[in-house]
Amino acid sequence: MTSVTDKITNRIKYKNRGWVFTPRDFLDVGSRGTVDQVLFRLVKQGMIRRLDRGVYDYPKQHVTLGTLSPNPDGLARALAGGDRVFPSGAVAANTLGLSTQVPAKSFYVTNSTVRSRFIAGQTIKLKRARVALLDNVHDKTNFVLQALSYLGKTNMDDQIIQRCARVLSDRDMLDLNKAINHIPGWMADTLHKIQQAKYG
């Protein structure tokens, strides 16, 4: 039990404060029952916080404000249960500077099951991605694809093409080329236009 406790405690500290996790994140070091017991003790000791059934965090502390609320991105990853999860296309488009519209209600996209859960005072919603999230690519690639999907074919003007060409690195472009065969035709055409704008 002691070795499992040490491994779990060390992993939590390694991840740093603000990490949201579930027992699933430790099943490589002990059985579910053992992991649950260790997490229960760590909650009692005040090291970690139980946010909801099966969801915990290593809370951030503020000198004035005290214990801070968990990050919604972390809650979404925990709710996704190991599946890939990203901010919605609207959030992605705004973050990349492709849209000035700030979404009133944000949600997250995943390839997995649609679900919604109220955790730690926040409603976290997961919806199916319009364009499937890709494995074996950097996160920014999926971020860009979700943004383009949200904006839609009719909004692909020169301004967006040029903006993408400026913010995407050479590595990003290589990853996006891997996505060509997994996205709608109009998005593939858009990626070709971005590539042409970037490299001539």
C-alpha atoms as a PDB file:
ATOM      1  CA  MET A   1       0.000   0.000   0.000  1.00  0.00           C
ATOM      2  CA  THR A   2       2.832   2.369   0.894  1.00  0.00           C
ATOM      3  CA  SER A   3       4.483   2.054  -2.523  1.00  0.00           C
ATOM      4  CA  VAL A   4       1.185   2.703  -4.296  1.00  0.00           C
ATOM      5  CA  THR A   5       0.570   5.716  -2.073  1.00  0.00           C
ATOM      6  CA  ASP A   6       4.019   7.089  -2.869  1.00  0.00           C
ATOM      7  CA  LYS A   7       3.540   6.585  -6.606  1.00  0.00           C
ATOM      8  CA  ILE A   8       0.141   8.291  -6.603  1.00  0.00           C
ATOM      9  CA  THR A   9       1.362  11.164  -4.431  1.00  0.00           C
ATOM     10  CA  ASN A  10       4.458  11.694  -6.581  1.00  0.00           C
ATOM     11  CA  ARG A  11       2.409  11.689  -9.786  1.00  0.00           C
ATOM     12  CA  ILE A  12      -0.012  14.255  -8.392  1.00  0.00           C
ATOM     13  CA  LYS A  13       2.841  16.538  -7.324  1.00  0.00           C
ATOM     14  CA  TYR A  14       4.586  16.067 -10.661  1.00  0.00           C
ATOM     15  CA  LYS A  15       1.472  17.217 -12.512  1.00  0.00           C
ATOM     16  CA  ASN A  16       1.446  20.406 -10.407  1.00  0.00           C
ATOM     17  CA  ARG A  17      -1.442  22.264  -8.827  1.00  0.00           C
ATOM     18  CA  GLY A  18      -4.584  22.649 -10.881  1.00  0.00           C
ATOM     19  CA  TRP A  19      -4.519  19.096 -12.245  1.00  0.00           C
ATOM     20  CA  VAL A  20      -7.961  17.467 -12.413  1.00  0.00           C
ATOM     21  CA  PHE A  21      -7.948  13.680 -12.404  1.00  0.00           C
ATOM     22  CA  THR A  22      -9.900  10.491 -11.825  1.00  0.00           C
ATOM     23  CA  PRO A  23      -8.924   7.094 -10.361  1.00  0.00           C
ATOM     24  CA  ARG A  24      -8.395   5.928 -13.949  1.00  0.00           C
ATOM     25  CA  ASP A  25      -5.202   8.003 -14.059  1.00  0.00           C
ATOM     26  CA  PHE A  26      -3.578   5.650 -11.530  1.00  0.00           C
ATOM     27  CA  LEU A  27      -4.741   2.180 -12.539  1.00  0.00           C
ATOM     28  CA  ASP A  28      -1.241   1.415 -13.804  1.00  0.00           C
ATOM     29  CA  VAL A  29       0.106   1.530 -10.228  1.00  0.00           C
ATOM     30  CA  GLY A  30      -2.632  -0.293  -8.303  1.00  0.00           C
ATOM     31  CA  SER A  31      -6.077  -1.874  -8.380  1.00  0.00           C
ATOM     32  CA  ARG A  32      -9.155   0.343  -8.477  1.00  0.00           C
ATOM     33  CA  GLY A  33      -9.934  -0.491  -4.857  1.00  0.00           C
ATOM     34  CA  THR A  34      -6.435   0.403  -3.696  1.00  0.00           C
ATOM     35  CA  VAL A  35      -6.409   3.626  -5.716  1.00  0.00           C
ATOM     36  CA  ASP A  36      -9.778   4.646  -4.242  1.00  0.00           C
ATOM     37  CA  GLN A  37      -8.461   4.047  -0.719  1.00  0.00           C
ATOM     38  CA  VAL A  38      -5.352   6.139  -1.329  1.00  0.00           C
ATOM     39  CA  LEU A  39      -7.352   9.012  -2.839  1.00  0.00           C
ATOM     40  CA  PHE A  40      -9.796   8.881   0.078  1.00  0.00           C
ATOM     41  CA  ARG A  41      -6.892   9.278   2.526  1.00  0.00           C
ATOM     42  CA  LEU A  42      -5.319  12.097   0.536  1.00  0.00           C
ATOM     43  CA  VAL A  43      -8.654  13.951   0.591  1.00  0.00           C
ATOM     44  CA  LYS A  44      -8.840  13.530   4.383  1.00  0.00           C
ATOM     45  CA  GLN A  45      -5.264  14.824   4.669  1.00  0.00           C
ATOM     46  CA  GLY A  46      -6.221  17.906   2.642  1.00  0.00           C
ATOM     47  CA  MET A  47      -3.707  17.308  -0.135  1.00  0.00           C
ATOM     48  CA  ILE A  48      -6.336  16.844  -2.830  1.00  0.00           C
ATOM     49  CA  ARG A  49      -9.977  17.829  -3.196  1.00  0.00           C
ATOM     50  CA  ARG A  50     -12.935  15.642  -4.166  1.00  0.00           C
ATOM     51  CA  LEU A  51     -14.950  17.605  -6.713  1.00  0.00           C
ATOM     52  CA  ASP A  52     -17.593  15.017  -7.471  1.00  0.00           C
ATOM     53  CA  ARG A  53     -18.001  11.268  -7.582  1.00  0.00           C
ATOM     54  CA  GLY A  54     -14.778   9.949  -9.099  1.00  0.00           C
ATOM     55  CA  VAL A  55     -13.364  13.404  -9.888  1.00  0.00           C
ATOM     56  CA  TYR A  56     -10.573  15.076  -7.895  1.00  0.00           C
ATOM     57  CA  ASP A  57      -8.099  17.897  -8.224  1.00  0.00           C
ATOM     58  CA  TYR A  58      -4.812  19.076  -6.744  1.00  0.00           C
ATOM     59  CA  PRO A  59      -6.148  22.571  -6.130  1.00  0.00           C
ATOM     60  CA  LYS A  60      -4.317  25.769  -6.850  1.00  0.00           C
ATOM     61  CA  GLN A  61      -3.866  28.122  -3.924  1.00  0.00           C
ATOM     62  CA  HIS A  62      -3.938  31.925  -4.023  1.00  0.00           C
ATOM     63  CA  VAL A  63      -2.413  34.093  -1.302  1.00  0.00           C
ATOM     64  CA  THR A  64      -5.524  36.276  -1.039  1.00  0.00           C
ATOM     65  CA  LEU A  65      -8.324  34.207  -2.536  1.00  0.00           C
ATOM     66  CA  GLY A  66      -7.368  30.876  -0.995  1.00  0.00           C
ATOM     67  CA  THR A  67      -8.307  27.674  -2.818  1.00  0.00           C
ATOM     68  CA  LEU A  68      -9.212  28.375  -6.446  1.00  0.00           C
ATOM     69  CA  SER A  69     -11.940  26.766  -8.536  1.00  0.00           C
ATOM     70  CA  PRO A  70     -10.856  23.983 -10.888  1.00  0.00           C
ATOM     71  CA  ASN A  71     -10.031  24.829 -14.488  1.00  0.00           C
ATOM     72  CA  PRO A  72     -12.914  23.940 -16.851  1.00  0.00           C
ATOM     73  CA  ASP A  73     -10.479  22.480 -19.400  1.00  0.00           C
ATOM     74  CA  GLY A  74      -9.243  20.057 -16.752  1.00  0.00           C
ATOM     75  CA  LEU A  75     -12.799  19.149 -15.785  1.00  0.00           C
ATOM     76  CA  ALA A  76     -13.618  18.442 -19.438  1.00  0.00           C
ATOM     77  CA  ARG A  77     -10.606  16.145 -19.829  1.00  0.00           C
ATOM     78  CA  ALA A  78     -11.585  14.256 -16.694  1.00  0.00           C
ATOM     79  CA  LEU A  79     -15.192  13.944 -17.873  1.00  0.00           C
ATOM     80  CA  ALA A  80     -14.018  12.655 -21.254  1.00  0.00           C
ATOM     81  CA  GLY A  81     -12.538   9.655 -19.463  1.00  0.00           C
ATOM     82  CA  GLY A  82      -9.384   9.342 -21.527  1.00  0.00           C
ATOM     83  CA  ASP A  83     -10.924  10.349 -24.860  1.00  0.00           C
ATOM     84  CA  ARG A  84      -9.492  13.332 -26.696  1.00  0.00           C
ATOM     85  CA  VAL A  85     -11.271  16.577 -25.918  1.00  0.00           C
ATOM     86  CA  PHE A  86     -10.882  20.111 -27.245  1.00  0.00           C
ATOM     87  CA  PRO A  87     -12.631  23.468 -26.872  1.00  0.00           C
ATOM     88  CA  SER A  88     -15.506  24.079 -29.289  1.00  0.00           C
ATOM     89  CA  GLY A  89     -14.873  25.368 -32.808  1.00  0.00           C
ATOM     90  CA  ALA A  90     -16.212  28.784 -31.778  1.00  0.00           C
ATOM     91  CA  VAL A  91     -13.641  29.049 -28.982  1.00  0.00           C
ATOM     92  CA  ALA A  92     -10.895  27.773 -31.300  1.00  0.00           C
ATOM     93  CA  ALA A  93     -11.763  30.337 -33.997  1.00  0.00           C
ATOM     94  CA  ASN A  94     -11.736  33.168 -31.457  1.00  0.00           C
ATOM     95  CA  THR A  95      -8.453  32.031 -29.896  1.00  0.00           C
ATOM     96  CA  LEU A  96      -6.742  31.818 -33.286  1.00  0.00           C
ATOM     97  CA  GLY A  97      -7.994  35.293 -34.189  1.00  0.00           C
ATOM     98  CA  LEU A  98     -10.197  33.970 -37.005  1.00  0.00           C
ATOM     99  CA  SER A  99     -13.357  35.317 -35.382  1.00  0.00           C
ATOM    100  CA  THR A 100     -14.069  38.213 -33.048  1.00  0.00           C
ATOM    101  CA  GLN A 101     -17.212  36.550 -31.738  1.00  0.00           C
ATOM    102  CA  VAL A 102     -16.884  35.381 -28.161  1.00  0.00           C
ATOM    103  CA  PRO A 103     -19.150  32.365 -27.575  1.00  0.00           C
ATOM    104  CA  ALA A 104     -21.706  33.035 -24.837  1.00  0.00           C
ATOM    105  CA  LYS A 105     -21.855  29.374 -23.835  1.00  0.00           C
ATOM    106  CA  SER A 106     -18.757  27.291 -24.355  1.00  0.00           C
ATOM    107  CA  PHE A 107     -18.593  23.525 -24.627  1.00  0.00           C
ATOM    108  CA  TYR A 108     -16.040  20.920 -25.595  1.00  0.00           C
ATOM    109  CA  VAL A 109     -15.861  18.503 -28.499  1.00  0.00           C
ATOM    110  CA  THR A 110     -14.896  14.843 -28.508  1.00  0.00           C
ATOM    111  CA  ASN A 111     -15.091  11.763 -30.707  1.00  0.00           C
ATOM    112  CA  SER A 112     -16.812   9.928 -27.892  1.00  0.00           C
ATOM    113  CA  THR A 113     -20.199   9.999 -26.191  1.00  0.00           C
ATOM    114  CA  VAL A 114     -22.106  13.251 -25.789  1.00  0.00           C
ATOM    115  CA  ARG A 115     -22.515  14.024 -22.123  1.00  0.00           C
ATOM    116  CA  SER A 116     -23.085  16.833 -19.647  1.00  0.00           C
ATOM    117  CA  ARG A 117     -22.223  17.046 -15.973  1.00  0.00           C
ATOM    118  CA  PHE A 118     -22.381  19.676 -13.253  1.00  0.00           C
ATOM    119  CA  ILE A 119     -19.065  19.597 -11.386  1.00  0.00           C
ATOM    120  CA  ALA A 120     -17.732  22.034  -8.801  1.00  0.00           C
ATOM    121  CA  GLY A 121     -20.289  24.685  -9.710  1.00  0.00           C
ATOM    122  CA  GLN A 122     -19.617  24.409 -13.449  1.00  0.00           C
ATOM    123  CA  THR A 123     -21.633  22.746 -16.177  1.00  0.00           C
ATOM    124  CA  ILE A 124     -19.278  20.858 -18.490  1.00  0.00           C
ATOM    125  CA  LYS A 125     -20.738  19.772 -21.827  1.00  0.00           C
ATOM    126  CA  LEU A 126     -19.128  17.419 -24.331  1.00  0.00           C
ATOM    127  CA  LYS A 127     -20.485  17.314 -27.879  1.00  0.00           C
ATOM    128  CA  ARG A 128     -19.494  15.301 -30.923  1.00  0.00           C
ATOM    129  CA  ALA A 129     -16.851  17.076 -32.991  1.00  0.00           C
ATOM    130  CA  ARG A 130     -18.058  18.198 -36.430  1.00  0.00           C
ATOM    131  CA  VAL A 131     -14.775  16.961 -37.831  1.00  0.00           C
ATOM    132  CA  ALA A 132     -13.379  13.936 -36.031  1.00  0.00           C
ATOM    133  CA  LEU A 133     -10.445  14.686 -33.747  1.00  0.00           C
ATOM    134  CA  LEU A 134      -7.277  13.131 -35.136  1.00  0.00           C
ATOM    135  CA  ASP A 135      -4.719  11.043 -33.290  1.00  0.00           C
ATOM    136  CA  ASN A 136      -0.951  11.282 -33.767  1.00  0.00           C
ATOM    137  CA  VAL A 137      -0.994  15.012 -34.528  1.00  0.00           C
ATOM    138  CA  HIS A 138      -0.201  18.009 -32.360  1.00  0.00           C
ATOM    139  CA  ASP A 139      -3.083  19.630 -30.510  1.00  0.00           C
ATOM    140  CA  LYS A 140      -2.947  22.780 -32.625  1.00  0.00           C
ATOM    141  CA  THR A 141      -3.861  20.741 -35.708  1.00  0.00           C
ATOM    142  CA  ASN A 142      -7.159  19.632 -34.183  1.00  0.00           C
ATOM    143  CA  PHE A 143      -7.665  23.169 -32.888  1.00  0.00           C
ATOM    144  CA  VAL A 144      -7.376  24.600 -36.421  1.00  0.00           C
ATOM    145  CA  LEU A 145      -9.620  21.958 -37.973  1.00  0.00           C
ATOM    146  CA  GLN A 146     -12.362  22.593 -35.411  1.00  0.00           C
ATOM    147  CA  ALA A 147     -12.105  26.343 -36.018  1.00  0.00           C
ATOM    148  CA  LEU A 148     -12.394  25.955 -39.803  1.00  0.00           C
ATOM    149  CA  SER A 149     -15.297  23.559 -39.427  1.00  0.00           C
ATOM    150  CA  TYR A 150     -17.120  26.047 -37.199  1.00  0.00           C
ATOM    151  CA  LEU A 151     -16.589  28.955 -39.600  1.00  0.00           C
ATOM    152  CA  GLY A 152     -17.839  26.932 -42.560  1.00  0.00           C
ATOM    153  CA  LYS A 153     -17.140  26.829 -46.289  1.00  0.00           C
ATOM    154  CA  THR A 154     -18.900  30.102 -47.164  1.00  0.00           C
ATOM    155  CA  ASN A 155     -16.747  32.097 -44.757  1.00  0.00           C
ATOM    156  CA  MET A 156     -13.368  30.971 -46.090  1.00  0.00           C
ATOM    157  CA  ASP A 157     -12.170  34.329 -47.423  1.00  0.00           C
ATOM    158  CA  ASP A 158      -8.666  35.669 -48.079  1.00  0.00           C
ATOM    159  CA  GLN A 159      -8.484  37.262 -44.641  1.00  0.00           C
ATOM    160  CA  ILE A 160      -8.912  33.915 -42.907  1.00  0.00           C
ATOM    161  CA  ILE A 161      -6.509  32.205 -45.300  1.00  0.00           C
ATOM    162  CA  GLN A 162      -3.823  34.822 -44.660  1.00  0.00           C
ATOM    163  CA  ARG A 163      -4.391  34.750 -40.897  1.00  0.00           C
ATOM    164  CA  CYS A 164      -3.965  30.962 -40.816  1.00  0.00           C
ATOM    165  CA  ALA A 165      -0.815  31.226 -42.934  1.00  0.00           C
ATOM    166  CA  ARG A 166       0.665  33.643 -40.384  1.00  0.00           C
ATOM    167  CA  VAL A 167      -0.177  31.749 -37.189  1.00  0.00           C
ATOM    168  CA  LEU A 168       0.649  28.215 -38.375  1.00  0.00           C
ATOM    169  CA  SER A 169       4.218  26.968 -38.125  1.00  0.00           C
ATOM    170  CA  ASP A 170       5.958  24.613 -40.555  1.00  0.00           C
ATOM    171  CA  ARG A 171       5.290  21.762 -38.109  1.00  0.00           C
ATOM    172  CA  ASP A 172       1.602  22.701 -38.015  1.00  0.00           C
ATOM    173  CA  MET A 173       1.438  22.594 -41.791  1.00  0.00           C
ATOM    174  CA  LEU A 174       3.007  19.126 -41.884  1.00  0.00           C
ATOM    175  CA  ASP A 175       0.406  17.877 -39.405  1.00  0.00           C
ATOM    176  CA  LEU A 176      -2.435  19.472 -41.344  1.00  0.00           C
ATOM    177  CA  ASN A 177      -1.251  17.715 -44.500  1.00  0.00           C
ATOM    178  CA  LYS A 178      -1.729  14.419 -42.639  1.00  0.00           C
ATOM    179  CA  ALA A 179      -5.376  15.376 -42.151  1.00  0.00           C
ATOM    180  CA  ILE A 180      -6.170  15.883 -45.842  1.00  0.00           C
ATOM    181  CA  ASN A 181      -7.717  12.434 -46.308  1.00  0.00           C
ATOM    182  CA  HIS A 182      -9.833  12.669 -43.148  1.00  0.00           C
ATOM    183  CA  ILE A 183     -11.686  15.953 -43.686  1.00  0.00           C
ATOM    184  CA  PRO A 184     -14.372  17.283 -46.071  1.00  0.00           C
ATOM    185  CA  GLY A 185     -13.246  18.329 -49.545  1.00  0.00           C
ATOM    186  CA  TRP A 186     -13.802  22.048 -48.968  1.00  0.00           C
ATOM    187  CA  MET A 187     -11.563  21.955 -45.894  1.00  0.00           C
ATOM    188  CA  ALA A 188      -8.855  20.154 -47.867  1.00  0.00           C
ATOM    189  CA  ASP A 189      -9.092  22.902 -50.513  1.00  0.00           C
ATOM    190  CA  THR A 190      -8.769  25.493 -47.739  1.00  0.00           C
ATOM    191  CA  LEU A 191      -5.618  23.827 -46.414  1.00  0.00           C
ATOM    192  CA  HIS A 192      -4.106  23.920 -49.912  1.00  0.00           C
ATOM    193  CA  LYS A 193      -4.882  27.657 -50.102  1.00  0.00           C
ATOM    194  CA  ILE A 194      -3.280  28.234 -46.706  1.00  0.00           C
ATOM    195  CA  GLN A 195      -0.200  26.332 -47.828  1.00  0.00           C
ATOM    196  CA  GLN A 196       0.009  28.400 -51.006  1.00  0.00           C
ATOM    197  CA  ALA A 197      -0.381  31.638 -49.046  1.00  0.00           C
ATOM    198  CA  LYS A 198       2.367  30.587 -46.645  1.00  0.00           C
ATOM    199  CA  TYR A 199       4.930  29.265 -49.078  1.00  0.00           C
ATOM    200  CA  GLY A 200       3.878  30.787 -52.399  1.00  0.00           C
END
